[in-house]
């Protein structure tokens, strides 16, 4: 069903953009060894990535985490790119993603198909006592930062393992689900039906990767629930690609 909706959105958005003549910008900025951090910005006329790996750009364009983009050639692991799509008039994020897909096909030679296999996945849902603080920020960010820090020292002796505090600004529930995916190491679907953007502060987070502790911390602090199910999980399989040249 998800693939069907994605195809429908692609057709509709493609028709809406038939008259738009976008400008595609691609430049290789570094090879292996560069510190890795995805950075992206958006205005209604421009979608831009800085020092991003191809798998992250592909995943963003098609709505997949980078680790579900398979059969990547080695240069996709080694190289970093500045990529941008600019339009002469305002476009929605969904429309910009369609144009980003076109850029990947034209400039990266991307050819791929989808496969679906049944596997475990978490459904993130609103519990009976949701506790969220509406964001004071005013602008959508494409890759919101979830930062961790140590709690303030106290005179009370600590019992049990050290826990961190995670903070994030102006995030949606979809952003929280994506972040939780990186902690529980399996897909997390946002089924909360909660809209808007929020500022979060979550104590009790694990220092090392521990999905169970992360779920407990989010449940206790935000009032969100997680249910483990089995469902079809899609993966993008790359059939062909090429390392792009600069503009």
Foldseek 3Di string as FASTA:
>chain_A
DVVVVLVVLLVVLCVVCVPKDKDKFKAWDFWAPDDDDWFWDDDQFKTKTFFHAPLPLVCLLSVHDSVLEPPDDPRSVTITMIIMIGTPDGDDPSSVSSVSVVCCCVFWVWDWDKDKDKDKEKEKAAAPDFDFAAAPDDDDGDQWDWDKDFDDDDPDDDDDDGKIKIKTGFDFLVNVQVVLCVQVVHHYHYPHPDDHTTIDIFIQHDPDRDSVSVQVRCCVGGVMHMDMDIDIDMGMYTPDTHDGHGD
